[in-house]
């Protein structure tokens, strides 16, 4: 019942964690502006976001769970009024700071980490996925009409979006396998295809879907794909069902199976031009995708905080768990792993700032391979010290673990990232073989 939920959420909050992060984060932020916004986000989290967790959780366990919790919309209004809005927008895409606040990716990384400790926090600051990646696509590649119609309301936070690429019939980690078709007929495109894991498509505020499909199956391998803006709802677009991740459906956001059956959209909704899908995807896979790694660091910090408090509060076999060597080893390994991963994330963010996402491709692949696996291990260790409670709804750990594990696939499988890193490493040694 609600009493159990309230008790759970008392245990979920971690104000001491938020205080402890300040020193680490501040040492990694070189600018006064970054430090200022970190302080402000931290204060907003403590004052407004953590106290709202119980209300959000009650909503997620109610019959109205596929509707948007009012408390989140209220928090968005408050964050916007305090100037804590669209913090993700990189300074290079917003020279006059008219859309965001002019932070670098490196500066934003510390803020994303802070938000990551609470699953819904990023949305409160209009920094949630997949909207940030989709907004980035429109900022970089959208036409004036596309920006006015779709980017503006996304930046205002009045609508949300989704991204449809993965398909159940093919191995979608190789995007050249994508089979959805985008056929030009006069001034329109006809969309046919079967997608799934289209995160956000179930949200009642979702009004636009970026669909990746093929416009020319005879073109060169990486010139067949294009990206098209499909309004939601549209005739012929069917949201089939919500999918679950280890039993979690992430309502009201959700992960949807979607069918497109002769969906007609204006030709002006084509992004950048036919055959430019891979080019757009590479741009989207930069800052918009490393945000997941940034948030995972925050999840890990929360898990480690819970780990330590549990170990210090429980006794077994004649002493506190925190006095047992094996438990201390797990705590030490978690701290070391988190700090190592944070440095890699910061390096990737700085590389994007200095040379763009394309030049930072290796660094991005490295953190996608390292951070989710690290988070899975750190959270698993915290679950273990909680005993049976760690696997229940009485702590956030089981849910956080599910997020870490699924991000080892959602941002591309580990194997793809290892392949990218290895290929780039080997390329630097061409000609060395004897």
Protein backbone atom coordinates (compact mmCIF):
# COMPACT_ATOMS: atom_id res chain seq x y z
CA UNK A 1 0.00 0.00 0.00
CA UNK A 2 0.90 3.68 0.11
CA UNK A 3 2.44 3.31 3.54
CA UNK A 4 4.97 0.85 2.17
CA UNK A 5 5.63 3.13 -0.78
CA UNK A 6 6.30 6.07 1.53
CA UNK A 7 8.71 4.04 3.62
CA UNK A 8 10.49 2.94 0.47
CA UNK A 9 10.93 6.49 -0.72
CA UNK A 10 12.34 7.67 2.58
CA UNK A 11 15.05 5.11 1.98
CA UNK A 12 15.45 6.20 -1.63
CA UNK A 13 16.35 9.79 -0.91
CA UNK A 14 20.02 10.56 -0.53
CA UNK A 15 20.72 14.18 0.41
CA UNK A 16 24.06 13.16 1.89
CA UNK A 17 25.00 11.82 -1.54
CA UNK A 18 24.24 15.15 -3.14
CA UNK A 19 26.47 16.96 -0.71
CA UNK A 20 29.31 14.45 -1.14
CA UNK A 21 29.41 14.90 -4.92
CA UNK A 22 30.23 18.59 -4.79
CA UNK A 23 33.98 18.27 -4.33
CA UNK A 24 34.45 15.65 -7.01
CA UNK A 25 32.28 17.45 -9.55
CA UNK A 26 33.68 20.90 -8.88
CA UNK A 27 37.25 19.74 -9.41
CA UNK A 28 36.20 18.50 -12.85
CA UNK A 29 34.50 21.75 -13.88
CA UNK A 30 36.85 24.45 -15.07
CA UNK A 31 34.42 27.34 -15.49
CA UNK A 32 32.59 29.46 -12.97
CA UNK A 33 29.40 29.15 -15.00
CA UNK A 34 29.47 25.35 -14.85
CA UNK A 35 30.03 25.40 -11.11
CA UNK A 36 27.23 27.92 -10.66
CA UNK A 37 24.69 25.82 -12.53
CA UNK A 38 25.80 22.67 -10.71
CA UNK A 39 25.08 24.42 -7.40
CA UNK A 40 21.69 25.56 -8.64
CA UNK A 41 20.69 22.15 -10.01
CA UNK A 42 21.84 20.48 -6.81
CA UNK A 43 19.72 22.87 -4.73
CA UNK A 44 16.68 22.33 -6.97
CA UNK A 45 17.08 18.56 -6.69
CA UNK A 46 17.26 18.72 -2.90
CA UNK A 47 14.43 21.20 -2.50
CA UNK A 48 11.98 19.97 -5.12
CA UNK A 49 12.86 16.74 -6.94
CA UNK A 50 13.72 14.36 -4.12
CA UNK A 51 10.65 15.40 -2.09
CA UNK A 52 8.46 14.67 -5.16
CA UNK A 53 9.60 11.06 -5.53
CA UNK A 54 6.87 9.63 -3.32
CA UNK A 55 4.12 11.38 -5.32
CA UNK A 56 5.58 10.20 -8.63
CA UNK A 57 5.86 6.66 -7.31
CA UNK A 58 2.25 6.66 -6.12
CA UNK A 59 1.17 7.80 -9.56
CA UNK A 60 3.22 5.09 -11.26
CA UNK A 61 1.47 2.48 -9.13
CA UNK A 62 -2.03 3.85 -9.73
CA UNK A 63 -4.70 3.23 -12.35
CA UNK A 64 -3.70 6.54 -13.96
CA UNK A 65 -0.11 5.46 -14.54
CA UNK A 66 -0.26 6.04 -18.34
CA UNK A 67 -1.06 9.70 -17.76
CA UNK A 68 1.52 12.36 -16.93
CA UNK A 69 1.97 13.05 -13.19
CA UNK A 70 0.92 16.61 -12.43
CA UNK A 71 3.86 17.03 -10.08
CA UNK A 72 6.32 16.59 -12.97
CA UNK A 73 4.58 19.25 -15.06
CA UNK A 74 4.58 21.57 -12.04
CA UNK A 75 8.29 20.99 -11.49
CA UNK A 76 8.98 21.75 -15.17
CA UNK A 77 7.27 25.12 -14.79
CA UNK A 78 9.32 25.85 -11.68
CA UNK A 79 12.62 24.79 -13.25
CA UNK A 80 11.90 26.89 -16.33
CA UNK A 81 11.07 29.94 -14.22
CA UNK A 82 14.40 29.56 -12.39
CA UNK A 83 16.38 29.42 -15.64
CA UNK A 84 17.23 25.73 -15.23
CA UNK A 85 15.92 24.77 -18.66
CA UNK A 86 17.43 23.15 -21.76
CA UNK A 87 20.73 22.94 -19.93
CA UNK A 88 21.86 20.26 -22.40
CA UNK A 89 21.98 22.62 -25.42
CA UNK A 90 25.69 22.88 -26.28
CA UNK A 91 27.12 26.36 -26.64
CA UNK A 92 28.36 25.67 -30.18
CA UNK A 93 24.78 25.02 -31.37
CA UNK A 94 23.44 28.06 -29.54
CA UNK A 95 25.96 30.92 -29.96
CA UNK A 96 23.70 33.59 -28.49
CA UNK A 97 22.49 31.37 -25.64
CA UNK A 98 18.89 31.96 -26.72
CA UNK A 99 17.87 28.32 -26.30
CA UNK A 100 20.00 27.14 -23.40
CA UNK A 101 22.47 28.65 -20.96
CA UNK A 102 25.68 28.21 -22.97
CA UNK A 103 27.30 25.27 -21.20
CA UNK A 104 29.90 23.04 -22.81
CA UNK A 105 29.31 19.29 -22.95
CA UNK A 106 31.94 18.89 -20.25
CA UNK A 107 30.14 21.34 -17.96
CA UNK A 108 26.78 19.75 -18.64
CA UNK A 109 28.16 16.29 -17.77
CA UNK A 110 28.27 17.13 -14.04
CA UNK A 111 24.68 18.39 -14.17
CA UNK A 112 23.49 15.26 -15.98
CA UNK A 113 25.19 13.16 -13.33
CA UNK A 114 23.25 15.03 -10.66
CA UNK A 115 19.96 14.46 -12.49
CA UNK A 116 20.74 10.79 -13.07
CA UNK A 117 20.22 9.87 -9.43
CA UNK A 118 16.43 10.26 -9.90
CA UNK A 119 14.91 8.59 -12.99
CA UNK A 120 12.48 11.42 -13.83
CA UNK A 121 14.73 14.36 -12.93
CA UNK A 122 16.15 14.97 -16.41
CA UNK A 123 12.67 15.59 -17.79
CA UNK A 124 12.06 18.27 -15.16
CA UNK A 125 14.88 20.35 -16.70
CA UNK A 126 13.81 19.45 -20.29
CA UNK A 127 16.95 17.35 -20.55
CA UNK A 128 15.36 13.92 -20.94
CA UNK A 129 15.84 11.23 -23.57
CA UNK A 130 14.99 10.77 -26.37
CA UNK A 131 14.02 14.43 -26.68
CA UNK A 132 17.55 15.79 -26.29
CA UNK A 133 18.84 13.64 -29.15
CA UNK A 134 15.86 14.49 -31.34
CA UNK A 135 16.14 18.20 -30.59
CA UNK A 136 19.83 18.02 -31.42
CA UNK A 137 18.97 16.48 -34.81
CA UNK A 138 16.55 19.30 -35.56
CA UNK A 139 18.98 21.94 -34.33
CA UNK A 140 21.76 20.60 -36.57
CA UNK A 141 19.86 19.40 -39.61
CA UNK A 142 16.26 20.63 -39.49
CA UNK A 143 14.80 23.07 -41.99
CA UNK A 144 13.32 26.37 -40.85
CA UNK A 145 9.82 24.92 -41.19
CA UNK A 146 10.74 21.78 -39.22
CA UNK A 147 12.31 23.84 -36.47
CA UNK A 148 9.29 26.09 -36.14
CA UNK A 149 6.78 23.25 -36.17
CA UNK A 150 8.56 20.68 -34.03
CA UNK A 151 11.75 22.01 -32.44
CA UNK A 152 10.16 25.08 -30.84
CA UNK A 153 7.49 23.15 -28.88
CA UNK A 154 10.09 20.54 -27.89
CA UNK A 155 12.36 23.25 -26.53
CA UNK A 156 9.37 24.76 -24.74
CA UNK A 157 8.57 21.38 -23.20
CA UNK A 158 4.97 21.42 -24.42
CA UNK A 159 5.36 18.23 -26.48
CA UNK A 160 7.59 15.17 -26.43
CA UNK A 161 9.05 12.96 -29.15
CA UNK A 162 10.26 9.48 -30.02
CA UNK A 163 12.81 7.85 -32.34
CA UNK A 164 11.94 4.75 -34.39
CA UNK A 165 14.88 2.77 -35.71
CA UNK A 166 15.02 -0.74 -34.18
CA UNK A 167 13.01 -3.45 -35.93
CA UNK A 168 11.98 -6.89 -34.62
CA UNK A 169 12.59 -8.67 -37.93
CA UNK A 170 16.28 -7.76 -38.35
CA UNK A 171 19.47 -7.37 -36.33
CA UNK A 172 19.15 -3.62 -35.89
CA UNK A 173 22.57 -3.13 -34.31
CA UNK A 174 23.64 -3.11 -37.96
CA UNK A 175 21.49 -0.22 -39.15
CA UNK A 176 22.01 -1.16 -42.80
CA UNK A 177 19.56 -4.01 -42.10
CA UNK A 178 16.66 -1.62 -41.47
CA UNK A 179 13.73 -2.55 -43.72
CA UNK A 180 11.14 0.20 -43.14
CA UNK A 181 10.38 1.96 -46.43
CA UNK A 182 9.95 5.67 -47.14
CA UNK A 183 8.59 5.96 -50.66
CA UNK A 184 8.22 9.32 -52.39
CA UNK A 185 4.90 9.88 -54.14
CA UNK A 186 4.47 13.42 -55.43
CA UNK A 187 4.67 15.84 -52.52
CA UNK A 188 4.43 13.07 -49.91
CA UNK A 189 6.25 10.08 -48.48
CA UNK A 190 4.46 6.80 -47.79
CA UNK A 191 5.83 5.07 -44.70
CA UNK A 192 5.59 1.32 -44.15
CA UNK A 193 7.43 -0.61 -41.49
CA UNK A 194 7.42 -2.45 -38.19
CA UNK A 195 9.45 -0.93 -35.34
CA UNK A 196 9.86 -1.65 -31.67
CA UNK A 197 11.64 -0.21 -28.64
CA UNK A 198 10.38 3.18 -29.79
CA UNK A 199 10.84 4.82 -26.39
CA UNK A 200 8.41 7.61 -25.61
CA UNK A 201 5.79 6.67 -28.21
CA UNK A 202 3.26 5.83 -25.50
CA UNK A 203 3.53 9.22 -23.80
CA UNK A 204 0.30 11.19 -24.39
CA UNK A 205 2.46 14.28 -25.04
CA UNK A 206 4.42 12.57 -27.84
CA UNK A 207 3.56 14.45 -31.04
CA UNK A 208 6.45 13.66 -33.37
CA UNK A 209 8.41 10.54 -34.31
CA UNK A 210 11.71 10.52 -36.20
CA UNK A 211 11.59 7.39 -38.36
CA UNK A 212 14.65 5.84 -39.94
CA UNK A 213 13.91 3.92 -43.13
CA UNK A 214 15.10 3.27 -46.66
CA UNK A 215 14.38 5.63 -49.53
CA UNK A 216 16.56 3.88 -52.13
CA UNK A 217 17.49 0.20 -51.79
CA UNK A 218 19.72 0.42 -54.89
CA UNK A 219 21.99 3.17 -53.52
CA UNK A 220 25.35 2.60 -51.84
CA UNK A 221 25.06 0.70 -48.57
CA UNK A 222 25.17 3.75 -46.31
CA UNK A 223 23.18 6.01 -48.64
CA UNK A 224 19.96 4.00 -48.63
CA UNK A 225 18.65 5.27 -45.29
CA UNK A 226 16.86 8.52 -44.53
CA UNK A 227 15.13 10.12 -41.56
CA UNK A 228 11.59 11.41 -41.74
CA UNK A 229 9.41 13.34 -39.28
CA UNK A 230 6.10 11.54 -38.76
CA UNK A 231 3.45 13.39 -36.72
CA UNK A 232 1.69 11.49 -33.95
CA UNK A 233 -1.03 10.47 -34.17
CA UNK A 234 -1.22 9.79 -37.92
CA UNK A 235 -3.59 7.62 -39.93
CA UNK A 236 -1.99 4.20 -40.36
CA UNK A 237 0.37 4.62 -37.40
CA UNK A 238 -0.47 2.03 -34.77
CA UNK A 239 1.11 1.90 -31.33
CA UNK A 240 0.73 -1.85 -30.84
CA UNK A 241 1.76 -2.39 -27.21
CA UNK A 242 4.12 -1.34 -24.46
CA UNK A 243 7.24 -3.45 -24.02
CA UNK A 244 8.79 -4.16 -20.64
CA UNK A 245 12.42 -4.13 -19.52
CA UNK A 246 12.79 -6.82 -16.85
CA UNK A 247 9.10 -6.26 -16.08
CA UNK A 248 9.31 -2.44 -15.92
CA UNK A 249 7.20 -0.61 -18.50
CA UNK A 250 8.36 2.92 -17.62
CA UNK A 251 4.85 4.38 -17.79
CA UNK A 252 3.82 6.89 -19.01
CA UNK A 253 6.91 7.23 -21.21
CA UNK A 254 7.04 3.59 -22.23
CA UNK A 255 8.80 1.59 -24.92
CA UNK A 256 6.47 0.81 -27.80
CA UNK A 257 6.05 -1.61 -30.63
CA UNK A 258 4.83 0.48 -33.58
CA UNK A 259 3.48 -0.34 -37.03
CA UNK A 260 3.43 2.07 -39.96
CA UNK A 261 0.93 1.07 -42.63
CA UNK A 262 0.78 3.45 -45.58
CA UNK A 263 1.34 6.48 -43.36
CA UNK A 264 1.38 9.60 -45.53
CA UNK A 265 3.46 12.63 -44.55
CA UNK A 266 4.52 15.77 -46.44
CA UNK A 267 7.79 15.57 -48.36
CA UNK A 268 8.91 18.66 -46.43
CA UNK A 269 9.22 16.40 -43.37
CA UNK A 270 12.34 14.72 -44.79
CA UNK A 271 15.33 15.70 -42.63
CA UNK A 272 18.33 17.05 -44.56
CA UNK A 273 17.57 15.01 -47.68
CA UNK A 274 17.26 11.46 -48.96
CA UNK A 275 20.17 9.16 -48.21
CA UNK A 276 21.44 11.27 -45.31
CA UNK A 277 20.19 8.97 -42.52
CA UNK A 278 23.60 7.64 -41.49
CA UNK A 279 25.09 11.10 -41.53
CA UNK A 280 22.33 12.32 -39.20
CA UNK A 281 22.65 9.23 -37.01
CA UNK A 282 26.35 9.86 -36.47
CA UNK A 283 25.58 13.42 -35.39
CA UNK A 284 22.84 12.19 -33.05
CA UNK A 285 25.09 9.54 -31.52
CA UNK A 286 27.40 12.21 -30.11
CA UNK A 287 26.34 14.46 -27.22
CA UNK A 288 22.75 13.18 -27.22
CA UNK A 289 23.93 9.67 -26.50
CA UNK A 290 26.72 10.26 -24.00
CA UNK A 291 24.09 11.87 -21.76
CA UNK A 292 23.07 8.32 -20.82
CA UNK A 293 26.59 7.64 -19.57
CA UNK A 294 26.58 10.88 -17.60
CA UNK A 295 23.31 9.95 -15.91
CA UNK A 296 24.56 6.46 -15.13
CA UNK A 297 27.35 7.93 -13.02
CA UNK A 298 24.67 9.61 -10.90
CA UNK A 299 22.81 6.32 -10.54
CA UNK A 300 26.02 4.67 -9.39
CA UNK A 301 26.69 7.35 -6.79
CA UNK A 302 23.23 6.81 -5.37
CA UNK A 303 23.68 3.05 -5.34
CA UNK A 304 27.04 3.35 -3.56
CA UNK A 305 25.53 5.69 -0.98
CA UNK A 306 22.78 3.16 -0.28
CA UNK A 307 25.41 0.42 -0.20
CA UNK A 308 27.44 2.21 2.49
CA UNK A 309 24.46 3.10 4.65
CA UNK A 310 23.13 -0.44 4.51
CA UNK A 311 26.51 -1.91 5.42
CA UNK A 312 26.85 0.45 8.38
CA UNK A 313 23.34 -0.22 9.68
CA UNK A 314 23.18 -4.06 9.53
CA UNK A 315 24.86 -6.62 11.74
CA UNK A 316 25.57 -10.26 10.95
CA UNK A 317 27.92 -12.90 12.31
CA UNK A 318 28.98 -10.80 15.26
CA UNK A 319 29.58 -7.40 13.68
CA UNK A 320 28.50 -4.69 11.29
CA UNK A 321 28.60 -5.59 7.61
CA UNK A 322 30.79 -2.52 7.07
CA UNK A 323 33.46 -4.15 9.25
CA UNK A 324 33.69 -7.23 7.02
CA UNK A 325 36.65 -7.27 4.67
CA UNK A 326 34.69 -8.58 1.72
CA UNK A 327 32.10 -5.79 2.03
CA UNK A 328 34.80 -3.14 2.32
CA UNK A 329 36.47 -4.53 -0.79
CA UNK A 330 33.19 -4.19 -2.72
CA UNK A 331 32.75 -0.60 -1.52
CA UNK A 332 36.33 0.31 -2.47
CA UNK A 333 36.01 -1.31 -5.89
CA UNK A 334 32.77 0.57 -6.53
CA UNK A 335 34.32 3.93 -5.63
CA UNK A 336 37.35 3.26 -7.83
CA UNK A 337 35.21 2.14 -10.77
CA UNK A 338 32.88 5.15 -10.55
CA UNK A 339 35.74 7.64 -10.44
CA UNK A 340 37.53 5.94 -13.35
CA UNK A 341 34.35 5.95 -15.45
CA UNK A 342 33.61 9.59 -14.62
CA UNK A 343 37.03 10.63 -15.92
CA UNK A 344 36.40 8.76 -19.17
CA UNK A 345 33.01 10.46 -19.55
CA UNK A 346 34.55 13.87 -18.93
CA UNK A 347 37.28 13.11 -21.46
CA UNK A 348 34.67 12.18 -24.08
CA UNK A 349 32.66 15.33 -23.36
CA UNK A 350 35.78 17.50 -23.64
CA UNK A 351 36.76 15.77 -26.88
CA UNK A 352 33.34 16.61 -28.36
CA UNK A 353 33.74 20.22 -27.21
CA UNK A 354 37.16 20.51 -28.79
CA UNK A 355 36.71 18.63 -32.07
CA UNK A 356 33.09 17.60 -32.53
CA UNK A 357 31.37 14.24 -32.16
CA UNK A 358 32.94 12.73 -35.27
CA UNK A 359 36.49 13.28 -34.02
CA UNK A 360 35.49 12.01 -30.57
CA UNK A 361 34.09 8.77 -31.96
CA UNK A 362 36.61 6.58 -30.17
CA UNK A 363 36.11 8.29 -26.82
CA UNK A 364 32.32 8.01 -27.20
CA UNK A 365 32.57 4.29 -28.02
CA UNK A 366 34.83 3.72 -25.02
CA UNK A 367 32.41 5.18 -22.48
CA UNK A 368 29.45 3.36 -24.02
CA UNK A 369 31.35 0.12 -23.54
CA UNK A 370 32.65 0.94 -20.07
CA UNK A 371 29.98 2.89 -18.18
CA UNK A 372 26.85 0.70 -18.41
CA UNK A 373 28.83 -2.43 -17.52
CA UNK A 374 30.49 -0.61 -14.64
CA UNK A 375 27.10 0.64 -13.43
CA UNK A 376 25.61 -2.83 -13.63
CA UNK A 377 28.40 -4.16 -11.40
CA UNK A 378 28.27 -1.28 -8.89
CA UNK A 379 24.47 -1.48 -8.54
CA UNK A 380 24.59 -5.28 -8.32
CA UNK A 381 27.08 -5.00 -5.47
CA UNK A 382 24.75 -2.62 -3.63
CA UNK A 383 21.85 -5.03 -4.20
CA UNK A 384 23.89 -7.87 -2.74
CA UNK A 385 24.59 -6.09 0.55
CA UNK A 386 20.86 -5.32 0.87
CA UNK A 387 20.06 -9.02 0.76
CA UNK A 388 16.55 -9.87 -0.41
CA UNK A 389 15.48 -6.24 -0.03
CA UNK A 390 17.81 -5.26 -2.85
CA UNK A 391 15.73 -7.24 -5.31
CA UNK A 392 12.40 -5.79 -4.18
CA UNK A 393 10.47 -2.58 -4.73
CA UNK A 394 11.59 -1.35 -1.31
CA UNK A 395 14.75 0.22 -2.78
CA UNK A 396 15.41 1.78 -6.21
CA UNK A 397 18.28 -0.63 -6.83
CA UNK A 398 16.48 -3.27 -8.89
CA UNK A 399 15.12 -0.60 -11.22
CA UNK A 400 18.49 1.14 -11.50
CA UNK A 401 20.13 -2.21 -12.30
CA UNK A 402 17.58 -2.81 -15.08
CA UNK A 403 18.41 0.59 -16.56
CA UNK A 404 22.14 -0.09 -16.53
CA UNK A 405 21.72 -3.54 -18.05
CA UNK A 406 19.44 -2.42 -20.84
CA UNK A 407 21.67 0.51 -21.76
CA UNK A 408 24.26 -2.09 -22.73
CA UNK A 409 21.90 -2.69 -25.66
CA UNK A 410 19.89 0.54 -26.04
CA UNK A 411 22.90 2.63 -27.00
CA UNK A 412 24.17 -0.14 -29.24
CA UNK A 413 25.45 -3.51 -28.00
CA UNK A 414 28.77 -3.70 -26.19
CA UNK A 415 30.22 -5.68 -29.08
CA UNK A 416 29.67 -2.84 -31.55
CA UNK A 417 31.49 -0.38 -29.29
CA UNK A 418 34.40 -2.78 -28.75
CA UNK A 419 34.59 -3.26 -32.52
CA UNK A 420 34.71 0.51 -33.06
CA UNK A 421 37.49 0.99 -30.52
CA UNK A 422 39.53 -1.93 -31.85
CA UNK A 423 39.23 -0.83 -35.50
CA UNK A 424 40.38 2.68 -34.65
CA UNK A 425 43.25 1.35 -32.55
CA UNK A 426 44.39 -1.04 -35.25
CA UNK A 427 44.18 1.67 -37.90
CA UNK A 428 46.86 3.58 -36.05
CA UNK A 429 49.18 0.60 -36.42
CA UNK A 430 48.72 -0.06 -40.12
CA UNK A 431 52.09 -0.70 -41.65
CA UNK A 432 53.56 -1.88 -38.33
CA UNK A 433 52.98 -5.57 -39.04
CA UNK A 434 56.09 -7.51 -39.89
